[in-house]
PDB file of N, CA and C in Angstrom:
ATOM      1  N   MET A   1      56.605 -56.507  70.317  1.00  0.00           N
ATOM      2  CA  MET A   1      57.963 -56.536  70.278  1.00  0.00           C
ATOM      3  C   MET A   1      57.473 -57.455  72.413  1.00  0.00           C
ATOM      4  N   LYS A   2      58.490 -58.137  71.984  1.00  0.00           N
ATOM      5  CA  LYS A   2      57.951 -59.005  74.045  1.00  0.00           C
ATOM      6  C   LYS A   2      59.131 -58.213  74.499  1.00  0.00           C
ATOM      7  N   GLU A   3      58.173 -58.255  75.583  1.00  0.00           N
ATOM      8  CA  GLU A   3      58.426 -57.677  76.544  1.00  0.00           C
ATOM      9  C   GLU A   3      60.524 -58.006  77.211  1.00  0.00           C
ATOM     10  N   LYS A   4      61.084 -59.255  77.083  1.00  0.00           N
ATOM     11  CA  LYS A   4      61.802 -59.350  77.863  1.00  0.00           C
ATOM     12  C   LYS A   4      62.909 -59.262  76.609  1.00  0.00           C
ATOM     13  N   ASP A   5      62.242 -59.422  75.613  1.00  0.00           N
ATOM     14  CA  ASP A   5      63.914 -59.033  74.090  1.00  0.00           C
ATOM     15  C   ASP A   5      64.141 -57.293  74.439  1.00  0.00           C
ATOM     16  N   ILE A   6      63.513 -56.087  76.010  1.00  0.00           N
ATOM     17  CA  ILE A   6      64.045 -55.308  75.137  1.00  0.00           C
ATOM     18  C   ILE A   6      64.618 -54.998  76.549  1.00  0.00           C
ATOM     19  N   THR A   7      66.123 -53.807  76.129  1.00  0.00           N
ATOM     20  CA  THR A   7      66.586 -54.296  77.027  1.00  0.00           C
ATOM     21  C   THR A   7      67.264 -52.500  77.342  1.00  0.00           C
ATOM     22  N   VAL A   8      67.239 -51.755  78.742  1.00  0.00           N
ATOM     23  CA  VAL A   8      67.741 -50.899  78.917  1.00  0.00           C
ATOM     24  C   VAL A   8      68.410 -49.983  79.141  1.00  0.00           C
ATOM     25  N   VAL A   9      69.609 -49.520  78.672  1.00  0.00           N
ATOM     26  CA  VAL A   9      71.340 -48.891  79.092  1.00  0.00           C
ATOM     27  C   VAL A   9      71.282 -47.329  79.181  1.00  0.00           C
ATOM     28  N   SER A  10      71.613 -47.213  80.516  1.00  0.00           N
ATOM     29  CA  SER A  10      71.490 -45.576  80.246  1.00  0.00           C
ATOM     30  C   SER A  10      73.308 -45.203  80.794  1.00  0.00           C
ATOM     31  N   ARG A  11      73.860 -44.129  81.151  1.00  0.00           N
ATOM     32  CA  ARG A  11      74.497 -44.033  81.177  1.00  0.00           C
ATOM     33  C   ARG A  11      74.805 -44.131  82.869  1.00  0.00           C
ATOM     34  N   GLU A  12      73.573 -44.037  83.360  1.00  0.00           N
ATOM     35  CA  GLU A  12      73.771 -43.214  84.971  1.00  0.00           C
ATOM     36  C   GLU A  12      73.190 -45.216  84.926  1.00  0.00           C
ATOM     37  N   ALA A  13      73.483 -46.337  84.578  1.00  0.00           N
ATOM     38  CA  ALA A  13      73.223 -47.553  85.195  1.00  0.00           C
ATOM     39  C   ALA A  13      73.818 -47.914  84.064  1.00  0.00           C
ATOM     40  N   PRO A  14      74.940 -48.610  83.557  1.00  0.00           N
ATOM     41  CA  PRO A  14      75.977 -49.571  82.525  1.00  0.00           C
ATOM     42  C   PRO A  14      75.129 -50.668  82.659  1.00  0.00           C
ATOM     43  N   ARG A  15      74.770 -51.531  82.013  1.00  0.00           N
ATOM     44  CA  ARG A  15      75.139 -52.668  81.352  1.00  0.00           C
ATOM     45  C   ARG A  15      75.679 -53.223  82.753  1.00  0.00           C
ATOM     46  N   ARG A  16      75.938 -54.221  82.928  1.00  0.00           N
ATOM     47  CA  ARG A  16      77.283 -54.821  84.014  1.00  0.00           C
ATOM     48  C   ARG A  16      77.984 -56.007  83.449  1.00  0.00           C
ATOM     49  N   GLY A  17      79.045 -56.693  82.593  1.00  0.00           N
ATOM     50  CA  GLY A  17      79.149 -57.510  81.869  1.00  0.00           C
ATOM     51  C   GLY A  17      79.738 -58.827  82.853  1.00  0.00           C
ATOM     52  N   LYS A  18      80.164 -59.685  82.848  1.00  0.00           N
ATOM     53  CA  LYS A  18      79.948 -60.787  82.872  1.00  0.00           C
ATOM     54  C   LYS A  18      80.582 -61.141  83.381  1.00  0.00           C
ATOM     55  N   THR A  19      82.280 -60.409  83.640  1.00  0.00           N
ATOM     56  CA  THR A  19      83.387 -60.772  83.951  1.00  0.00           C
ATOM     57  C   THR A  19      83.600 -60.349  85.948  1.00  0.00           C
ATOM     58  N   ASN A  20      84.219 -61.760  86.321  1.00  0.00           N
ATOM     59  CA  ASN A  20      84.215 -61.807  87.687  1.00  0.00           C
ATOM     60  C   ASN A  20      85.399 -60.578  87.899  1.00  0.00           C
ATOM     61  N   LEU A  21      85.079 -59.549  88.520  1.00  0.00           N
ATOM     62  CA  LEU A  21      86.275 -58.565  88.698  1.00  0.00           C
ATOM     63  C   LEU A  21      87.249 -58.806  89.556  1.00  0.00           C
ATOM     64  N   GLU A  22      85.948 -59.409  90.946  1.00  0.00           N
ATOM     65  CA  GLU A  22      87.281 -59.456  91.857  1.00  0.00           C
ATOM     66  C   GLU A  22      87.853 -60.585  92.156  1.00  0.00           C
ATOM     67  N   LYS A  23      87.615 -61.900  91.373  1.00  0.00           N
ATOM     68  CA  LYS A  23      88.598 -62.715  91.026  1.00  0.00           C
ATOM     69  C   LYS A  23      89.647 -62.104  90.150  1.00  0.00           C
ATOM     70  N   LEU A  24      89.491 -61.453  89.453  1.00  0.00           N
ATOM     71  CA  LEU A  24      90.686 -60.677  88.905  1.00  0.00           C
ATOM     72  C   LEU A  24      91.496 -60.120  89.594  1.00  0.00           C
ATOM     73  N   ARG A  25      90.681 -59.070  90.655  1.00  0.00           N
ATOM     74  CA  ARG A  25      91.721 -58.459  90.617  1.00  0.00           C
ATOM     75  C   ARG A  25      92.653 -59.703  91.635  1.00  0.00           C
ATOM     76  N   ASP A  26      91.942 -60.493  92.566  1.00  0.00           N
ATOM     77  CA  ASP A  26      92.765 -61.532  93.574  1.00  0.00           C
ATOM     78  C   ASP A  26      93.347 -62.014  92.612  1.00  0.00           C
ATOM     79  N   LEU A  27      93.905 -62.451  91.682  1.00  0.00           N
ATOM     80  CA  LEU A  27      94.568 -62.582  90.230  1.00  0.00           C
ATOM     81  C   LEU A  27      96.441 -62.417  90.618  1.00  0.00           C
ATOM     82  N   THR A  28      97.159 -63.267  91.272  1.00  0.00           N
ATOM     83  CA  THR A  28      98.426 -63.605  91.597  1.00  0.00           C
ATOM     84  C   THR A  28      99.164 -63.190  90.258  1.00  0.00           C
ATOM     85  N   ASP A  29     100.436 -62.421  89.647  1.00  0.00           N
ATOM     86  CA  ASP A  29     101.384 -62.401  88.701  1.00  0.00           C
ATOM     87  C   ASP A  29     101.535 -63.944  87.835  1.00  0.00           C
ATOM     88  N   GLU A  30     101.888 -64.348  89.318  1.00  0.00           N
ATOM     89  CA  GLU A  30     102.131 -66.531  88.565  1.00  0.00           C
ATOM     90  C   GLU A  30     101.396 -66.784  87.961  1.00  0.00           C
ATOM     91  N   GLU A  31      99.978 -66.295  88.548  1.00  0.00           N
ATOM     92  CA  GLU A  31      98.693 -66.602  87.852  1.00  0.00           C
ATOM     93  C   GLU A  31      98.689 -66.256  86.550  1.00  0.00           C
ATOM     94  N   ILE A  32      98.659 -65.159  86.207  1.00  0.00           N
ATOM     95  CA  ILE A  32      98.445 -64.925  85.271  1.00  0.00           C
ATOM     96  C   ILE A  32      99.537 -65.106  84.380  1.00  0.00           C
ATOM     97  N   ASP A  33     100.726 -65.281  84.596  1.00  0.00           N
ATOM     98  CA  ASP A  33     101.924 -65.557  83.538  1.00  0.00           C
ATOM     99  C   ASP A  33     101.123 -67.529  83.566  1.00  0.00           C
ATOM    100  N   ALA A  34     100.697 -67.729  84.274  1.00  0.00           N
ATOM    101  CA  ALA A  34     100.432 -69.703  83.819  1.00  0.00           C
ATOM    102  C   ALA A  34      99.446 -69.197  82.836  1.00  0.00           C
ATOM    103  N   SER A  35      98.666 -68.817  83.303  1.00  0.00           N
ATOM    104  CA  SER A  35      97.402 -68.285  82.311  1.00  0.00           C
ATOM    105  C   SER A  35      97.806 -68.307  80.928  1.00  0.00           C
ATOM    106  N   ILE A  36      98.551 -67.256  80.656  1.00  0.00           N
ATOM    107  CA  ILE A  36      99.280 -66.351  79.349  1.00  0.00           C
ATOM    108  C   ILE A  36     100.140 -67.716  78.431  1.00  0.00           C
ATOM    109  N   ALA A  37     100.413 -69.027  79.110  1.00  0.00           N
ATOM    110  CA  ALA A  37     101.883 -69.526  79.343  1.00  0.00           C
ATOM    111  C   ALA A  37     100.473 -70.864  78.215  1.00  0.00           C
ATOM    112  N   GLY A  38      99.877 -70.987  79.181  1.00  0.00           N
ATOM    113  CA  GLY A  38      98.689 -71.584  78.409  1.00  0.00           C
ATOM    114  C   GLY A  38      98.290 -71.299  77.638  1.00  0.00           C
ATOM    115  N   ASP A  39      98.088 -70.354  76.876  1.00  0.00           N
ATOM    116  CA  ASP A  39      97.098 -70.207  75.482  1.00  0.00           C
ATOM    117  C   ASP A  39      97.614 -69.921  74.524  1.00  0.00           C
ATOM    118  N   PRO A  40      97.736 -71.383  73.714  1.00  0.00           N
ATOM    119  CA  PRO A  40      97.723 -71.146  72.413  1.00  0.00           C
ATOM    120  C   PRO A  40      98.194 -70.088  71.667  1.00  0.00           C
ATOM    121  N   ASP A  41      97.439 -68.725  71.405  1.00  0.00           N
ATOM    122  CA  ASP A  41      97.253 -68.269  70.597  1.00  0.00           C
ATOM    123  C   ASP A  41      98.079 -66.825  71.717  1.00  0.00           C
ATOM    124  N   TRP A  42      99.283 -67.289  72.532  1.00  0.00           N
ATOM    125  CA  TRP A  42     100.112 -65.818  73.352  1.00  0.00           C
ATOM    126  C   TRP A  42     101.058 -65.659  72.264  1.00  0.00           C
ATOM    127  N   SER A  43     101.711 -65.141  71.951  1.00  0.00           N
ATOM    128  CA  SER A  43     102.563 -64.959  70.987  1.00  0.00           C
ATOM    129  C   SER A  43     104.095 -63.058  72.063  1.00  0.00           C
ATOM    130  N   ASP A  44     105.164 -64.395  72.378  1.00  0.00           N
ATOM    131  CA  ASP A  44     105.504 -62.963  73.324  1.00  0.00           C
ATOM    132  C   ASP A  44     106.362 -62.024  72.214  1.00  0.00           C
ATOM    133  N   ASP A  45     106.274 -61.914  71.364  1.00  0.00           N
ATOM    134  CA  ASP A  45     106.846 -61.710  70.222  1.00  0.00           C
ATOM    135  C   ASP A  45     106.301 -61.034  69.141  1.00  0.00           C
ATOM    136  N   TRP A  46     105.383 -59.480  69.207  1.00  0.00           N
ATOM    137  CA  TRP A  46     104.888 -58.705  68.647  1.00  0.00           C
ATOM    138  C   TRP A  46     105.686 -58.102  68.101  1.00  0.00           C
ATOM    139  N   ASN A  47     105.559 -57.399  66.532  1.00  0.00           N
ATOM    140  CA  ASN A  47     106.054 -56.485  66.084  1.00  0.00           C
ATOM    141  C   ASN A  47     104.969 -55.456  65.711  1.00  0.00           C
ATOM    142  N   TRP A  48     104.372 -54.419  65.701  1.00  0.00           N
ATOM    143  CA  TRP A  48     103.586 -53.603  65.340  1.00  0.00           C
ATOM    144  C   TRP A  48     104.661 -52.825  64.709  1.00  0.00           C
ATOM    145  N   SER A  49     106.086 -53.118  64.479  1.00  0.00           N
ATOM    146  CA  SER A  49     106.156 -51.385  63.590  1.00  0.00           C
ATOM    147  C   SER A  49     105.533 -51.106  62.138  1.00  0.00           C
ATOM    148  N   ASP A  50     105.266 -52.536  61.759  1.00  0.00           N
ATOM    149  CA  ASP A  50     104.564 -52.088  60.089  1.00  0.00           C
ATOM    150  C   ASP A  50     103.189 -52.215  60.106  1.00  0.00           C
ATOM    151  N   ALA A  51     102.713 -51.686  61.351  1.00  0.00           N
ATOM    152  CA  ALA A  51     101.234 -51.828  62.230  1.00  0.00           C
ATOM    153  C   ALA A  51     100.845 -50.502  61.365  1.00  0.00           C
ATOM    154  N   VAL A  52      99.474 -49.399  60.393  1.00  0.00           N
ATOM    155  CA  VAL A  52      99.196 -48.859  60.270  1.00  0.00           C
ATOM    156  C   VAL A  52      97.670 -48.823  60.126  1.00  0.00           C
ATOM    157  N   LEU A  53      97.338 -47.263  61.246  1.00  0.00           N
ATOM    158  CA  LEU A  53      96.247 -47.030  61.311  1.00  0.00           C
ATOM    159  C   LEU A  53      94.929 -47.191  60.013  1.00  0.00           C
ATOM    160  N   VAL A  54      93.920 -47.814  60.572  1.00  0.00           N
ATOM    161  CA  VAL A  54      92.788 -48.223  58.992  1.00  0.00           C
ATOM    162  C   VAL A  54      91.530 -47.621  60.013  1.00  0.00           C
ATOM    163  N   ILE A  55      91.856 -46.371  59.320  1.00  0.00           N
ATOM    164  CA  ILE A  55      89.793 -45.273  59.558  1.00  0.00           C
ATOM    165  C   ILE A  55      88.959 -45.438  59.202  1.00  0.00           C
ATOM    166  N   PRO A  56      87.889 -46.442  59.278  1.00  0.00           N
ATOM    167  CA  PRO A  56      86.566 -46.757  58.627  1.00  0.00           C
ATOM    168  C   PRO A  56      85.668 -45.547  57.503  1.00  0.00           C
ATOM    169  N   PRO A  57      85.793 -45.561  56.764  1.00  0.00           N
ATOM    170  CA  PRO A  57      84.797 -44.127  56.542  1.00  0.00           C
ATOM    171  C   PRO A  57      83.657 -44.589  57.125  1.00  0.00           C
ATOM    172  N   LYS A  58      83.319 -42.883  56.961  1.00  0.00           N
ATOM    173  CA  LYS A  58      82.333 -42.507  58.334  1.00  0.00           C
ATOM    174  C   LYS A  58      80.723 -43.122  56.821  1.00  0.00           C
ATOM    175  N   LYS A  59      79.774 -43.189  58.216  1.00  0.00           N
ATOM    176  CA  LYS A  59      78.432 -43.780  57.251  1.00  0.00           C
ATOM    177  C   LYS A  59      77.416 -42.471  56.934  1.00  0.00           C
ATOM    178  N   LYS A  60      76.863 -42.755  56.202  1.00  0.00           N
ATOM    179  CA  LYS A  60      75.736 -41.561  55.696  1.00  0.00           C
ATOM    180  C   LYS A  60      74.515 -42.109  55.826  1.00  0.00           C
ATOM    181  N   ALA A  61      73.789 -41.129  56.712  1.00  0.00           N
ATOM    182  CA  ALA A  61      72.164 -41.232  57.578  1.00  0.00           C
ATOM    183  C   ALA A  61      71.253 -41.222  56.235  1.00  0.00           C
ATOM    184  N   ILE A  62      70.561 -42.125  55.649  1.00  0.00           N
ATOM    185  CA  ILE A  62      69.269 -41.463  55.295  1.00  0.00           C
ATOM    186  C   ILE A  62      68.087 -42.110  55.542  1.00  0.00           C
ATOM    187  N   SER A  63      67.277 -41.871  54.761  1.00  0.00           N
ATOM    188  CA  SER A  63      65.315 -42.038  54.592  1.00  0.00           C
ATOM    189  C   SER A  63      64.968 -42.208  53.589  1.00  0.00           C
ATOM    190  N   ILE A  64      63.800 -43.215  53.956  1.00  0.00           N
ATOM    191  CA  ILE A  64      63.361 -43.774  52.690  1.00  0.00           C
ATOM    192  C   ILE A  64      62.180 -44.398  53.092  1.00  0.00           C
ATOM    193  N   ARG A  65      60.957 -43.857  51.796  1.00  0.00           N
ATOM    194  CA  ARG A  65      59.878 -44.295  51.970  1.00  0.00           C
ATOM    195  C   ARG A  65      59.295 -45.030  51.927  1.00  0.00           C
ATOM    196  N   VAL A  66      58.782 -46.321  52.295  1.00  0.00           N
ATOM    197  CA  VAL A  66      58.828 -47.150  51.728  1.00  0.00           C
ATOM    198  C   VAL A  66      56.534 -47.735  52.390  1.00  0.00           C
ATOM    199  N   ASP A  67      56.414 -48.490  51.173  1.00  0.00           N
ATOM    200  CA  ASP A  67      55.103 -49.072  51.809  1.00  0.00           C
ATOM    201  C   ASP A  67      54.753 -50.220  52.983  1.00  0.00           C
ATOM    202  N   GLU A  68      53.448 -50.276  53.679  1.00  0.00           N
ATOM    203  CA  GLU A  68      53.821 -50.657  55.221  1.00  0.00           C
ATOM    204  C   GLU A  68      54.500 -52.183  54.989  1.00  0.00           C
ATOM    205  N   ASP A  69      53.780 -52.748  53.814  1.00  0.00           N
ATOM    206  CA  ASP A  69      53.572 -54.119  53.091  1.00  0.00           C
ATOM    207  C   ASP A  69      54.784 -54.600  53.269  1.00  0.00           C
ATOM    208  N   VAL A  70      55.512 -53.735  52.282  1.00  0.00           N
ATOM    209  CA  VAL A  70      56.907 -54.121  52.575  1.00  0.00           C
ATOM    210  C   VAL A  70      58.129 -53.628  53.695  1.00  0.00           C
ATOM    211  N   LEU A  71      57.859 -53.285  54.675  1.00  0.00           N
ATOM    212  CA  LEU A  71      58.156 -53.035  55.500  1.00  0.00           C
ATOM    213  C   LEU A  71      57.951 -54.154  56.139  1.00  0.00           C
ATOM    214  N   ASP A  72      56.959 -54.388  56.600  1.00  0.00           N
ATOM    215  CA  ASP A  72      56.169 -55.971  57.424  1.00  0.00           C
ATOM    216  C   ASP A  72      57.799 -56.604  56.392  1.00  0.00           C
ATOM    217  N   TYR A  73      57.286 -56.788  55.186  1.00  0.00           N
ATOM    218  CA  TYR A  73      58.512 -57.999  54.511  1.00  0.00           C
ATOM    219  C   TYR A  73      58.944 -58.636  55.847  1.00  0.00           C
ATOM    220  N   PHE A  74      60.199 -57.697  55.429  1.00  0.00           N
ATOM    221  CA  PHE A  74      61.347 -56.938  55.847  1.00  0.00           C
ATOM    222  C   PHE A  74      61.705 -57.760  57.172  1.00  0.00           C
ATOM    223  N   LYS A  75      60.767 -57.117  58.518  1.00  0.00           N
ATOM    224  CA  LYS A  75      61.003 -56.669  59.469  1.00  0.00           C
ATOM    225  C   LYS A  75      60.642 -58.704  59.324  1.00  0.00           C
ATOM    226  N   GLN A  76      60.071 -59.425  58.391  1.00  0.00           N
ATOM    227  CA  GLN A  76      59.561 -60.963  58.667  1.00  0.00           C
ATOM    228  C   GLN A  76      60.661 -61.204  58.111  1.00  0.00           C
ATOM    229  N   GLU A  77      61.574 -61.518  56.933  1.00  0.00           N
ATOM    230  CA  GLU A  77      62.886 -61.747  56.699  1.00  0.00           C
ATOM    231  C   GLU A  77      63.990 -61.790  57.438  1.00  0.00           C
ATOM    232  N   ALA A  78      64.025 -61.060  58.154  1.00  0.00           N
ATOM    233  CA  ALA A  78      65.105 -60.424  59.487  1.00  0.00           C
ATOM    234  C   ALA A  78      64.295 -60.806  61.528  1.00  0.00           C
ATOM    235  N   GLN A  79      63.555 -61.382  61.349  1.00  0.00           N
ATOM    236  CA  GLN A  79      63.263 -62.274  62.414  1.00  0.00           C
ATOM    237  C   GLN A  79      63.817 -64.301  62.077  1.00  0.00           C
ATOM    238  N   ALA A  80      63.196 -64.445  60.573  1.00  0.00           N
ATOM    239  CA  ALA A  80      63.215 -65.528  60.715  1.00  0.00           C
ATOM    240  C   ALA A  80      65.269 -65.771  59.800  1.00  0.00           C
ATOM    241  N   ILE A  81      65.714 -64.831  59.554  1.00  0.00           N
ATOM    242  CA  ILE A  81      67.228 -64.978  59.811  1.00  0.00           C
ATOM    243  C   ILE A  81      67.887 -64.948  61.164  1.00  0.00           C
ATOM    244  N   SER A  82      66.904 -64.135  61.725  1.00  0.00           N
ATOM    245  CA  SER A  82      68.070 -63.985  63.735  1.00  0.00           C
ATOM    246  C   SER A  82      67.072 -65.901  64.604  1.00  0.00           C
ATOM    247  N   GLY A  83      65.712 -66.058  64.245  1.00  0.00           N
ATOM    248  CA  GLY A  83      65.435 -67.306  64.478  1.00  0.00           C
ATOM    249  C   GLY A  83      64.348 -66.668  65.622  1.00  0.00           C
ATOM    250  N   ALA A  84      63.304 -65.607  65.673  1.00  0.00           N
ATOM    251  CA  ALA A  84      63.523 -64.799  66.564  1.00  0.00           C
ATOM    252  C   ALA A  84      61.139 -65.424  66.274  1.00  0.00           C
TER     253      ALA A  84
END
């Protein structure tokens, strides 16, 4: 694995997003309303009364043993699919 592909994230130093928080804090209510009005997906007509909370089933942890050549094959396939 290449060094540039490794990302280290910890609780003490969480990864920073790309959002410009200063610019966001400086927005006025009028600028926010104008931005919302220009969004074609925005609707002020939401009806959540029929909403249903769906909790996905828990995943099962499994462990399998495979031959090294089988594992190498799947790693190569994964790299080919991801374009790495």
